[in-house]
């Protein structure tokens, strides 16, 4: 597969990535709502991981034509 081509659907992978995105979203909310949370300095990493996981989920889910 070449660059710029869309990914083939991979529903099991998409489901795993959606579950990972859901957990990361929960964790980001927990960190963001607690100013003295020990992971506060790393929040941007959690947010980037969330974006990666949700993008993977969307990119590997069958889309209507």
Protein backbone atom coordinates (compact mmCIF):
# COMPACT_ATOMS: atom_id res chain seq x y z
CA UNK A 1 0.00 0.00 0.00
CA UNK A 2 1.41 3.40 -0.98
CA UNK A 3 1.43 6.66 0.90
CA UNK A 4 -1.75 8.70 0.72
CA UNK A 5 -4.04 5.71 0.20
CA UNK A 6 -6.76 5.00 2.72
CA UNK A 7 -6.41 2.11 5.14
CA UNK A 8 -8.42 -1.05 4.71
CA UNK A 9 -11.05 -1.58 7.41
CA UNK A 10 -9.81 -3.63 10.34
CA UNK A 11 -12.73 -3.74 12.73
CA UNK A 12 -11.00 -5.60 15.58
CA UNK A 13 -8.11 -3.12 15.56
CA UNK A 14 -10.57 -0.21 15.33
CA UNK A 15 -12.46 -1.51 18.37
CA UNK A 16 -9.24 -1.89 20.38
CA UNK A 17 -8.15 1.63 19.45
CA UNK A 18 -11.60 3.02 20.33
CA UNK A 19 -11.36 1.39 23.75
CA UNK A 20 -7.88 2.88 24.19
CA UNK A 21 -9.18 6.31 23.12
CA UNK A 22 -12.08 6.06 25.58
CA UNK A 23 -9.72 5.25 28.46
CA UNK A 24 -7.32 8.02 27.46
CA UNK A 25 -10.21 10.52 27.29
CA UNK A 26 -11.25 9.51 30.80
CA UNK A 27 -7.67 9.86 32.03
CA UNK A 28 -7.23 13.27 30.35
CA UNK A 29 -10.40 14.50 32.04
CA UNK A 30 -9.19 13.24 35.40
CA UNK A 31 -5.80 14.92 35.01
CA UNK A 32 -7.22 18.18 33.65
CA UNK A 33 -9.78 18.49 36.44
CA UNK A 34 -7.20 18.00 39.20
CA UNK A 35 -4.74 20.94 39.17
CA UNK A 36 -2.23 19.23 41.48
CA UNK A 37 -2.46 15.86 39.72
CA UNK A 38 1.03 14.30 39.49
CA UNK A 39 0.54 13.67 35.75
CA UNK A 40 -0.38 17.31 34.99
CA UNK A 41 3.01 18.02 33.30
CA UNK A 42 2.39 15.05 30.98
CA UNK A 43 -1.18 15.92 30.02
CA UNK A 44 -0.15 16.90 26.50
CA UNK A 45 1.26 13.38 25.97
CA UNK A 46 -2.02 11.82 27.06
CA UNK A 47 -3.89 14.15 24.69
CA UNK A 48 -1.61 13.23 21.79
CA UNK A 49 -2.09 9.53 22.53
CA UNK A 50 -5.86 10.09 22.57
CA UNK A 51 -5.72 11.76 19.16
CA UNK A 52 -3.60 8.90 17.81
CA UNK A 53 -5.96 6.23 19.14
CA UNK A 54 -9.14 7.95 17.96
CA UNK A 55 -7.62 8.58 14.53
CA UNK A 56 -6.60 4.93 14.25
CA UNK A 57 -10.11 3.85 15.26
CA UNK A 58 -11.73 6.10 12.68
CA UNK A 59 -9.25 5.20 9.96
CA UNK A 60 -9.79 1.47 10.32
CA UNK A 61 -13.58 1.42 10.64
CA UNK A 62 -15.72 0.58 7.64
CA UNK A 63 -17.20 3.77 6.23
CA UNK A 64 -20.53 3.98 4.38
CA UNK A 65 -20.16 4.56 0.65
